[in-house]
Amino acid sequence: MVLEYPIGVSGTLTRVLETGAGSSTAVFLHGLGARADRWRRNLEAIADAGYRCLALDLPGHGFASKTPDFDYSVPGFADFVLAILKALEVDRFHLIGTSLGGHVSGWIAAHHPGQVASLAMVGTLGLVPIGREAGAAIRDSVRATGRADIENKLKFVLHDPAEVTSGWIEEEYRINNSPGADGAFERLGDYIAEEVDQHNVGEKLAGLKERPPIMLVWGRQDGAVPPSVGEKGRALLGDVPLLMIDPAGHAPYFEQPGQFNGPVIDFLQQAG
């Protein structure tokens, strides 16, 4: 059973999905414009392997606060995640993050390595620069929240368009047009277009003297963050595993949970 509840720090609320009662905690961070629900096909399987699993909505997303004064940046998200984990009395944890959530996870691991038992980065941003042109395209995409825009974005990030149902499109539309969402996406889009490359973590992670175990995961048909980025990340980080999941787009954990869950569980267990 997956529990669902609100929690907040410093006046900023979020929603947590939680399952499992293991002594080790795995924290799941979603990507840009997504929310904690994207991990529902993974949480219980990994909890059954002996982990307490937590997935949360980043501010500006899902059911979290969408206030104009939040720091919508990778360091700002990282500080928020750490504050939530402190409130939940979690001092050490495994991080599993995808896309923007992978970037945030990498920032936490790079700056607080002693708290991170392992790091799994899935189709992640933040390993290498994306450049201003790609950043501007992402800014335009995140700000497009009409029903047709949402349908197109979901079909772009998933390899199998049959996964995109009318109900899912409607749900995404209502959440991404809820009060404050437009302002949050505007600020976040500007940050990605203009500043996100200032917070890359690839070289920082590569240079850590005591680095937590790292695993990279990619969908072989990922058109949003191509597999070549994963290859560059592996070359930068050295001898880290790179799991290619096929067929899958930008959300391999969602499209192919059978191919994702087992290797990630093995990685977590090896990390200790």
C-alpha atoms as a PDB file:
ATOM      1  CA  MET A   1       0.000   0.000   0.000  1.00  0.00           C
ATOM      2  CA  VAL A   2       1.241   3.485  -0.885  1.00  0.00           C
ATOM      3  CA  LEU A   3       0.500   6.194   1.682  1.00  0.00           C
ATOM      4  CA  GLU A   4      -0.105   9.742   0.459  1.00  0.00           C
ATOM      5  CA  TYR A   5       0.141  12.767   2.729  1.00  0.00           C
ATOM      6  CA  PRO A   6       1.074  16.482   2.857  1.00  0.00           C
ATOM      7  CA  ILE A   7       4.105  17.872   4.641  1.00  0.00           C
ATOM      8  CA  GLY A   8       5.708  21.278   4.654  1.00  0.00           C
ATOM      9  CA  VAL A   9       8.796  23.225   5.660  1.00  0.00           C
ATOM     10  CA  SER A  10       9.140  27.009   5.971  1.00  0.00           C
ATOM     11  CA  GLY A  11       5.615  27.516   4.676  1.00  0.00           C
ATOM     12  CA  THR A  12       6.108  25.453   1.503  1.00  0.00           C
ATOM     13  CA  LEU A  13       3.900  22.374   1.258  1.00  0.00           C
ATOM     14  CA  THR A  14       4.417  19.224  -0.743  1.00  0.00           C
ATOM     15  CA  ARG A  15       2.877  15.789  -1.114  1.00  0.00           C
ATOM     16  CA  VAL A  16       4.727  12.594  -0.253  1.00  0.00           C
ATOM     17  CA  LEU A  17       4.026   9.083  -1.508  1.00  0.00           C
ATOM     18  CA  GLU A  18       5.445   6.533   0.926  1.00  0.00           C
ATOM     19  CA  THR A  19       5.592   2.768   1.092  1.00  0.00           C
ATOM     20  CA  GLY A  20       7.802   0.160   2.713  1.00  0.00           C
ATOM     21  CA  ALA A  21       9.296  -0.118   6.160  1.00  0.00           C
ATOM     22  CA  GLY A  22      12.920  -1.011   5.512  1.00  0.00           C
ATOM     23  CA  SER A  23      15.808   0.431   7.506  1.00  0.00           C
ATOM     24  CA  SER A  24      17.220   2.044   4.330  1.00  0.00           C
ATOM     25  CA  THR A  25      15.368   4.846   2.561  1.00  0.00           C
ATOM     26  CA  ALA A  26      15.132   5.401  -1.200  1.00  0.00           C
ATOM     27  CA  VAL A  27      14.033   8.875  -2.311  1.00  0.00           C
ATOM     28  CA  PHE A  28      12.513   9.381  -5.779  1.00  0.00           C
ATOM     29  CA  LEU A  29      12.577  12.775  -7.527  1.00  0.00           C
ATOM     30  CA  HIS A  30      10.536  13.430 -10.678  1.00  0.00           C
ATOM     31  CA  GLY A  31      11.318  15.503 -13.735  1.00  0.00           C
ATOM     32  CA  LEU A  32      10.272  18.880 -15.068  1.00  0.00           C
ATOM     33  CA  GLY A  33       6.497  19.326 -15.272  1.00  0.00           C
ATOM     34  CA  ALA A  34       5.874  15.900 -13.725  1.00  0.00           C
ATOM     35  CA  ARG A  35       5.063  14.761 -10.181  1.00  0.00           C
ATOM     36  CA  ALA A  36       5.565  11.982  -7.672  1.00  0.00           C
ATOM     37  CA  ASP A  37       2.894   9.762  -9.281  1.00  0.00           C
ATOM     38  CA  ARG A  38       5.243   8.916 -12.143  1.00  0.00           C
ATOM     39  CA  TRP A  39       7.051   6.522  -9.787  1.00  0.00           C
ATOM     40  CA  ARG A  40       3.975   4.434  -8.856  1.00  0.00           C
ATOM     41  CA  ARG A  41       5.158   1.521 -11.014  1.00  0.00           C
ATOM     42  CA  ASN A  42       8.410   1.377  -9.077  1.00  0.00           C
ATOM     43  CA  LEU A  43       7.729   2.252  -5.444  1.00  0.00           C
ATOM     44  CA  GLU A  44       6.140  -0.968  -4.220  1.00  0.00           C
ATOM     45  CA  ALA A  45       8.554  -3.242  -6.086  1.00  0.00           C
ATOM     46  CA  ILE A  46      11.538  -1.511  -4.517  1.00  0.00           C
ATOM     47  CA  ALA A  47       9.810  -1.376  -1.127  1.00  0.00           C
ATOM     48  CA  ASP A  48       9.275  -5.145  -1.335  1.00  0.00           C
ATOM     49  CA  ALA A  49      13.048  -5.504  -1.661  1.00  0.00           C
ATOM     50  CA  GLY A  50      13.416  -4.009   1.816  1.00  0.00           C
ATOM     51  CA  TYR A  51      13.405  -0.236   1.383  1.00  0.00           C
ATOM     52  CA  ARG A  52      11.354   2.621   2.748  1.00  0.00           C
ATOM     53  CA  CYS A  53      10.414   4.481  -0.434  1.00  0.00           C
ATOM     54  CA  LEU A  54       9.547   8.179  -0.566  1.00  0.00           C
ATOM     55  CA  ALA A  55       8.502  10.156  -3.644  1.00  0.00           C
ATOM     56  CA  LEU A  56       7.592  13.828  -3.388  1.00  0.00           C
ATOM     57  CA  ASP A  57       6.304  16.645  -5.568  1.00  0.00           C
ATOM     58  CA  LEU A  58       8.879  19.363  -6.136  1.00  0.00           C
ATOM     59  CA  PRO A  59       7.554  22.892  -5.465  1.00  0.00           C
ATOM     60  CA  GLY A  60       5.721  24.276  -8.482  1.00  0.00           C
ATOM     61  CA  HIS A  61       4.667  20.742  -9.489  1.00  0.00           C
ATOM     62  CA  GLY A  62       1.875  18.332  -8.693  1.00  0.00           C
ATOM     63  CA  PHE A  63       0.190  19.092  -5.380  1.00  0.00           C
ATOM     64  CA  ALA A  64       3.101  21.072  -3.945  1.00  0.00           C
ATOM     65  CA  SER A  65       3.018  24.819  -3.265  1.00  0.00           C
ATOM     66  CA  LYS A  66       3.342  27.030  -6.324  1.00  0.00           C
ATOM     67  CA  THR A  67       4.283  30.291  -4.652  1.00  0.00           C
ATOM     68  CA  PRO A  68       6.099  33.098  -6.498  1.00  0.00           C
ATOM     69  CA  ASP A  69       8.790  33.504  -3.828  1.00  0.00           C
ATOM     70  CA  PHE A  70      10.223  29.966  -3.918  1.00  0.00           C
ATOM     71  CA  ASP A  71      13.754  29.510  -5.288  1.00  0.00           C
ATOM     72  CA  TYR A  72      12.976  27.556  -8.474  1.00  0.00           C
ATOM     73  CA  SER A  73      16.543  26.427  -9.106  1.00  0.00           C
ATOM     74  CA  VAL A  74      18.477  23.190  -8.699  1.00  0.00           C
ATOM     75  CA  PRO A  75      20.059  24.389  -5.405  1.00  0.00           C
ATOM     76  CA  GLY A  76      16.665  25.654  -4.227  1.00  0.00           C
ATOM     77  CA  PHE A  77      14.970  22.329  -4.938  1.00  0.00           C
ATOM     78  CA  ALA A  78      17.865  20.469  -3.304  1.00  0.00           C
ATOM     79  CA  ASP A  79      17.590  22.522  -0.114  1.00  0.00           C
ATOM     80  CA  PHE A  80      13.849  21.861  -0.025  1.00  0.00           C
ATOM     81  CA  VAL A  81      14.274  18.098  -0.456  1.00  0.00           C
ATOM     82  CA  LEU A  82      16.870  18.005   2.318  1.00  0.00           C
ATOM     83  CA  ALA A  83      14.574  19.992   4.616  1.00  0.00           C
ATOM     84  CA  ILE A  84      11.681  17.601   3.951  1.00  0.00           C
ATOM     85  CA  LEU A  85      13.910  14.590   4.648  1.00  0.00           C
ATOM     86  CA  LYS A  86      15.083  16.196   7.877  1.00  0.00           C
ATOM     87  CA  ALA A  87      11.452  16.721   8.884  1.00  0.00           C
ATOM     88  CA  LEU A  88      10.852  13.019   8.167  1.00  0.00           C
ATOM     89  CA  GLU A  89      13.933  12.164  10.277  1.00  0.00           C
ATOM     90  CA  VAL A  90      15.820  10.676   7.334  1.00  0.00           C
ATOM     91  CA  ASP A  91      19.556  11.352   7.684  1.00  0.00           C
ATOM     92  CA  ARG A  92      20.999   9.017   5.029  1.00  0.00           C
ATOM     93  CA  PHE A  93      19.288   7.879   1.856  1.00  0.00           C
ATOM     94  CA  HIS A  94      19.540   6.500  -1.654  1.00  0.00           C
ATOM     95  CA  LEU A  95      18.583   8.979  -4.389  1.00  0.00           C
ATOM     96  CA  ILE A  96      16.780   8.014  -7.597  1.00  0.00           C
ATOM     97  CA  GLY A  97      16.076  11.022  -9.803  1.00  0.00           C
ATOM     98  CA  THR A  98      15.004  11.529 -13.386  1.00  0.00           C
ATOM     99  CA  SER A  99      15.637  14.495 -15.693  1.00  0.00           C
ATOM    100  CA  LEU A 100      15.406  17.643 -13.530  1.00  0.00           C
ATOM    101  CA  GLY A 101      15.019  15.382 -10.494  1.00  0.00           C
ATOM    102  CA  GLY A 102      18.234  13.634 -11.478  1.00  0.00           C
ATOM    103  CA  HIS A 103      19.989  17.004 -11.614  1.00  0.00           C
ATOM    104  CA  VAL A 104      18.660  17.876  -8.150  1.00  0.00           C
ATOM    105  CA  SER A 105      19.736  14.454  -6.863  1.00  0.00           C
ATOM    106  CA  GLY A 106      23.202  14.968  -8.328  1.00  0.00           C
ATOM    107  CA  TRP A 107      23.468  18.370  -6.638  1.00  0.00           C
ATOM    108  CA  ILE A 108      22.602  16.826  -3.272  1.00  0.00           C
ATOM    109  CA  ALA A 109      25.155  14.035  -3.778  1.00  0.00           C
ATOM    110  CA  ALA A 110      27.821  16.498  -4.904  1.00  0.00           C
ATOM    111  CA  HIS A 111      27.370  18.819  -1.934  1.00  0.00           C
ATOM    112  CA  HIS A 112      26.256  16.394   0.788  1.00  0.00           C
ATOM    113  CA  PRO A 113      27.953  13.117  -0.171  1.00  0.00           C
ATOM    114  CA  GLY A 114      28.034  11.846   3.387  1.00  0.00           C
ATOM    115  CA  GLN A 115      24.245  11.674   3.455  1.00  0.00           C
ATOM    116  CA  VAL A 116      23.872   9.863   0.135  1.00  0.00           C
ATOM    117  CA  ALA A 117      24.146   6.057   0.166  1.00  0.00           C
ATOM    118  CA  SER A 118      23.869   5.855  -3.631  1.00  0.00           C
ATOM    119  CA  LEU A 119      22.752   7.891  -6.638  1.00  0.00           C
ATOM    120  CA  ALA A 120      20.768   6.626  -9.636  1.00  0.00           C
ATOM    121  CA  MET A 121      20.361   9.258 -12.367  1.00  0.00           C
ATOM    122  CA  VAL A 122      17.738   8.516 -15.031  1.00  0.00           C
ATOM    123  CA  GLY A 123      17.799  10.408 -18.348  1.00  0.00           C
ATOM    124  CA  THR A 124      19.232  13.189 -16.275  1.00  0.00           C
ATOM    125  CA  LEU A 125      20.031  16.821 -16.806  1.00  0.00           C
ATOM    126  CA  GLY A 126      23.025  18.397 -15.121  1.00  0.00           C
ATOM    127  CA  LEU A 127      25.881  16.110 -16.151  1.00  0.00           C
ATOM    128  CA  VAL A 128      26.900  18.205 -19.147  1.00  0.00           C
ATOM    129  CA  PRO A 129      25.803  21.685 -20.317  1.00  0.00           C
ATOM    130  CA  ILE A 130      22.605  21.892 -22.359  1.00  0.00           C
ATOM    131  CA  GLY A 131      23.327  25.311 -23.912  1.00  0.00           C
ATOM    132  CA  ARG A 132      21.094  28.337 -24.295  1.00  0.00           C
ATOM    133  CA  GLU A 133      19.241  27.095 -27.383  1.00  0.00           C
ATOM    134  CA  ALA A 134      18.147  23.858 -25.711  1.00  0.00           C
ATOM    135  CA  GLY A 135      17.387  25.765 -22.521  1.00  0.00           C
ATOM    136  CA  ALA A 136      15.125  28.173 -24.407  1.00  0.00           C
ATOM    137  CA  ALA A 137      13.288  25.247 -26.021  1.00  0.00           C
ATOM    138  CA  ILE A 138      12.709  23.690 -22.594  1.00  0.00           C
ATOM    139  CA  ARG A 139      11.472  27.051 -21.288  1.00  0.00           C
ATOM    140  CA  ASP A 140       8.911  27.263 -24.066  1.00  0.00           C
ATOM    141  CA  SER A 141       7.815  23.673 -23.502  1.00  0.00           C
ATOM    142  CA  VAL A 142       7.285  23.930 -19.763  1.00  0.00           C
ATOM    143  CA  ARG A 143       5.167  27.054 -20.218  1.00  0.00           C
ATOM    144  CA  ALA A 144       2.875  25.365 -22.755  1.00  0.00           C
ATOM    145  CA  THR A 145       0.043  23.910 -20.654  1.00  0.00           C
ATOM    146  CA  GLY A 146      -2.942  23.638 -22.987  1.00  0.00           C
ATOM    147  CA  ARG A 147      -4.524  20.212 -23.402  1.00  0.00           C
ATOM    148  CA  ALA A 148      -3.002  19.719 -26.837  1.00  0.00           C
ATOM    149  CA  ASP A 149       0.388  20.889 -25.539  1.00  0.00           C
ATOM    150  CA  ILE A 150       0.253  18.402 -22.689  1.00  0.00           C
ATOM    151  CA  GLU A 151      -0.749  15.566 -24.984  1.00  0.00           C
ATOM    152  CA  ASN A 152       2.133  16.364 -27.308  1.00  0.00           C
ATOM    153  CA  LYS A 153       4.623  16.552 -24.434  1.00  0.00           C
ATOM    154  CA  LEU A 154       3.535  13.229 -22.974  1.00  0.00           C
ATOM    155  CA  LYS A 155       3.782  11.557 -26.360  1.00  0.00           C
ATOM    156  CA  PHE A 156       7.207  13.097 -26.839  1.00  0.00           C
ATOM    157  CA  VAL A 157       8.671  11.794 -23.576  1.00  0.00           C
ATOM    158  CA  LEU A 158       7.146   8.309 -23.923  1.00  0.00           C
ATOM    159  CA  HIS A 159       8.143   5.861 -26.614  1.00  0.00           C
ATOM    160  CA  ASP A 160       4.702   4.219 -26.696  1.00  0.00           C
ATOM    161  CA  PRO A 161       1.934   6.778 -27.410  1.00  0.00           C
ATOM    162  CA  ALA A 162      -0.706   4.250 -26.317  1.00  0.00           C
ATOM    163  CA  GLU A 163       0.330   5.010 -22.719  1.00  0.00           C
ATOM    164  CA  VAL A 164      -1.097   8.523 -23.095  1.00  0.00           C
ATOM    165  CA  THR A 165      -4.784   8.322 -22.243  1.00  0.00           C
ATOM    166  CA  SER A 166      -7.410  11.058 -22.340  1.00  0.00           C
ATOM    167  CA  GLY A 167      -7.783  10.778 -18.563  1.00  0.00           C
ATOM    168  CA  TRP A 168      -4.083  11.316 -18.003  1.00  0.00           C
ATOM    169  CA  ILE A 169      -4.082  14.338 -20.303  1.00  0.00           C
ATOM    170  CA  GLU A 170      -7.016  15.874 -18.426  1.00  0.00           C
ATOM    171  CA  GLU A 171      -5.408  15.241 -15.045  1.00  0.00           C
ATOM    172  CA  GLU A 172      -2.119  16.798 -16.157  1.00  0.00           C
ATOM    173  CA  TYR A 173      -3.996  19.756 -17.629  1.00  0.00           C
ATOM    174  CA  ARG A 174      -5.839  20.489 -14.397  1.00  0.00           C
ATOM    175  CA  ILE A 175      -2.757  20.132 -12.192  1.00  0.00           C
ATOM    176  CA  ASN A 176      -0.501  22.185 -14.470  1.00  0.00           C
ATOM    177  CA  ASN A 177      -3.137  24.933 -14.646  1.00  0.00           C
ATOM    178  CA  SER A 178      -3.862  25.013 -10.916  1.00  0.00           C
ATOM    179  CA  PRO A 179      -3.379  28.283  -8.981  1.00  0.00           C
ATOM    180  CA  GLY A 180       0.195  29.495  -9.125  1.00  0.00           C
ATOM    181  CA  ALA A 181       1.391  26.940 -11.697  1.00  0.00           C
ATOM    182  CA  ASP A 182       1.824  29.485 -14.486  1.00  0.00           C
ATOM    183  CA  GLY A 183       4.051  31.698 -12.369  1.00  0.00           C
ATOM    184  CA  ALA A 184       6.088  28.763 -11.107  1.00  0.00           C
ATOM    185  CA  PHE A 185       6.656  27.446 -14.626  1.00  0.00           C
ATOM    186  CA  GLU A 186       7.565  30.938 -15.839  1.00  0.00           C
ATOM    187  CA  ARG A 187      10.282  31.285 -13.195  1.00  0.00           C
ATOM    188  CA  LEU A 188      11.519  27.751 -13.654  1.00  0.00           C
ATOM    189  CA  GLY A 189      11.593  28.150 -17.436  1.00  0.00           C
ATOM    190  CA  ASP A 190      13.657  31.330 -17.172  1.00  0.00           C
ATOM    191  CA  TYR A 191      16.080  29.577 -14.824  1.00  0.00           C
ATOM    192  CA  ILE A 192      16.579  26.653 -17.205  1.00  0.00           C
ATOM    193  CA  ALA A 193      17.053  28.947 -20.205  1.00  0.00           C
ATOM    194  CA  GLU A 194      19.481  31.310 -18.498  1.00  0.00           C
ATOM    195  CA  GLU A 195      21.140  29.754 -15.460  1.00  0.00           C
ATOM    196  CA  VAL A 196      20.839  25.977 -15.172  1.00  0.00           C
ATOM    197  CA  ASP A 197      24.240  25.261 -16.756  1.00  0.00           C
ATOM    198  CA  GLN A 198      25.848  27.237 -13.928  1.00  0.00           C
ATOM    199  CA  HIS A 199      24.753  24.430 -11.612  1.00  0.00           C
ATOM    200  CA  ASN A 200      26.001  21.398 -13.529  1.00  0.00           C
ATOM    201  CA  VAL A 201      27.195  18.611 -11.268  1.00  0.00           C
ATOM    202  CA  GLY A 202      29.102  16.243 -13.554  1.00  0.00           C
ATOM    203  CA  GLU A 203      32.596  17.553 -12.852  1.00  0.00           C
ATOM    204  CA  LYS A 204      31.836  18.021  -9.163  1.00  0.00           C
ATOM    205  CA  LEU A 205      30.675  14.411  -8.842  1.00  0.00           C
ATOM    206  CA  ALA A 206      33.666  13.184 -10.842  1.00  0.00           C
ATOM    207  CA  GLY A 207      36.039  15.018  -8.507  1.00  0.00           C
ATOM    208  CA  LEU A 208      34.627  13.804  -5.200  1.00  0.00           C
ATOM    209  CA  LYS A 209      37.226  11.943  -3.138  1.00  0.00           C
ATOM    210  CA  GLU A 210      34.586   9.828  -1.401  1.00  0.00           C
ATOM    211  CA  ARG A 211      31.852   9.550  -3.970  1.00  0.00           C
ATOM    212  CA  PRO A 212      28.697   7.514  -3.386  1.00  0.00           C
ATOM    213  CA  PRO A 213      28.042   4.709  -5.882  1.00  0.00           C
ATOM    214  CA  ILE A 214      26.470   6.098  -9.070  1.00  0.00           C
ATOM    215  CA  MET A 215      24.298   4.392 -11.682  1.00  0.00           C
ATOM    216  CA  LEU A 216      23.081   5.940 -14.941  1.00  0.00           C
ATOM    217  CA  VAL A 217      19.857   4.758 -16.605  1.00  0.00           C
ATOM    218  CA  TRP A 218      18.596   5.799 -20.039  1.00  0.00           C
ATOM    219  CA  GLY A 219      15.797   4.957 -22.418  1.00  0.00           C
ATOM    220  CA  ARG A 220      17.358   3.988 -25.729  1.00  0.00           C
ATOM    221  CA  GLN A 221      14.724   6.032 -27.611  1.00  0.00           C
ATOM    222  CA  ASP A 222      14.984   9.089 -25.342  1.00  0.00           C
ATOM    223  CA  GLY A 223      14.450  12.142 -27.557  1.00  0.00           C
ATOM    224  CA  ALA A 224      14.421  14.691 -24.732  1.00  0.00           C
ATOM    225  CA  VAL A 225      17.856  13.912 -23.254  1.00  0.00           C
ATOM    226  CA  PRO A 226      19.472  11.597 -25.819  1.00  0.00           C
ATOM    227  CA  PRO A 227      21.454   8.484 -24.840  1.00  0.00           C
ATOM    228  CA  SER A 228      24.592  10.259 -26.061  1.00  0.00           C
ATOM    229  CA  VAL A 229      24.315  12.425 -22.934  1.00  0.00           C
ATOM    230  CA  GLY A 230      24.405   9.272 -20.839  1.00  0.00           C
ATOM    231  CA  GLU A 231      27.523   8.121 -22.696  1.00  0.00           C
ATOM    232  CA  LYS A 232      29.186  11.492 -22.072  1.00  0.00           C
ATOM    233  CA  GLY A 233      28.202  11.271 -18.415  1.00  0.00           C
ATOM    234  CA  ARG A 234      29.728   7.825 -18.069  1.00  0.00           C
ATOM    235  CA  ALA A 235      32.934   9.006 -19.721  1.00  0.00           C
ATOM    236  CA  LEU A 236      33.079  11.935 -17.291  1.00  0.00           C
ATOM    237  CA  LEU A 237      32.297   9.914 -14.173  1.00  0.00           C
ATOM    238  CA  GLY A 238      34.500   6.961 -15.024  1.00  0.00           C
ATOM    239  CA  ASP A 239      33.617   3.378 -14.225  1.00  0.00           C
ATOM    240  CA  VAL A 240      29.885   3.711 -13.484  1.00  0.00           C
ATOM    241  CA  PRO A 241      27.183   1.427 -14.910  1.00  0.00           C
ATOM    242  CA  LEU A 242      24.992   2.774 -17.708  1.00  0.00           C
ATOM    243  CA  LEU A 243      21.788   0.792 -18.148  1.00  0.00           C
ATOM    244  CA  MET A 244      20.072   1.239 -21.514  1.00  0.00           C
ATOM    245  CA  ILE A 245      16.390   0.259 -21.494  1.00  0.00           C
ATOM    246  CA  ASP A 246      14.800  -0.662 -24.806  1.00  0.00           C
ATOM    247  CA  PRO A 247      12.218   0.237 -25.964  1.00  0.00           C
ATOM    248  CA  ALA A 248      11.722   3.323 -23.830  1.00  0.00           C
ATOM    249  CA  GLY A 249      11.787   7.096 -24.146  1.00  0.00           C
ATOM    250  CA  HIS A 250      12.539   9.707 -21.487  1.00  0.00           C
ATOM    251  CA  ALA A 251      10.711   7.790 -18.728  1.00  0.00           C
ATOM    252  CA  PRO A 252      12.129   4.231 -18.847  1.00  0.00           C
ATOM    253  CA  TYR A 253      11.169   3.609 -15.206  1.00  0.00           C
ATOM    254  CA  PHE A 254       7.519   4.221 -16.176  1.00  0.00           C
ATOM    255  CA  GLU A 255       7.418   2.513 -19.566  1.00  0.00           C
ATOM    256  CA  GLN A 256       9.507  -0.535 -18.677  1.00  0.00           C
ATOM    257  CA  PRO A 257       9.316  -1.020 -14.891  1.00  0.00           C
ATOM    258  CA  GLY A 258      10.295  -4.679 -15.263  1.00  0.00           C
ATOM    259  CA  GLN A 259      13.591  -3.705 -16.890  1.00  0.00           C
ATOM    260  CA  PHE A 260      14.126  -0.850 -14.432  1.00  0.00           C
ATOM    261  CA  ASN A 261      13.222  -2.179 -11.000  1.00  0.00           C
ATOM    262  CA  GLY A 262      15.400  -5.282 -10.885  1.00  0.00           C
ATOM    263  CA  PRO A 263      18.718  -3.669 -11.869  1.00  0.00           C
ATOM    264  CA  VAL A 264      18.048  -0.685  -9.588  1.00  0.00           C
ATOM    265  CA  ILE A 265      17.332  -3.001  -6.654  1.00  0.00           C
ATOM    266  CA  ASP A 266      20.577  -4.860  -7.376  1.00  0.00           C
ATOM    267  CA  PHE A 267      22.425  -1.525  -7.451  1.00  0.00           C
ATOM    268  CA  LEU A 268      20.901  -0.399  -4.144  1.00  0.00           C
ATOM    269  CA  GLN A 269      21.796  -3.676  -2.474  1.00  0.00           C
ATOM    270  CA  GLN A 270      25.381  -3.538  -3.712  1.00  0.00           C
ATOM    271  CA  ALA A 271      25.669   0.053  -2.503  1.00  0.00           C
ATOM    272  CA  GLY A 272      24.656  -1.062   1.011  1.00  0.00           C
END
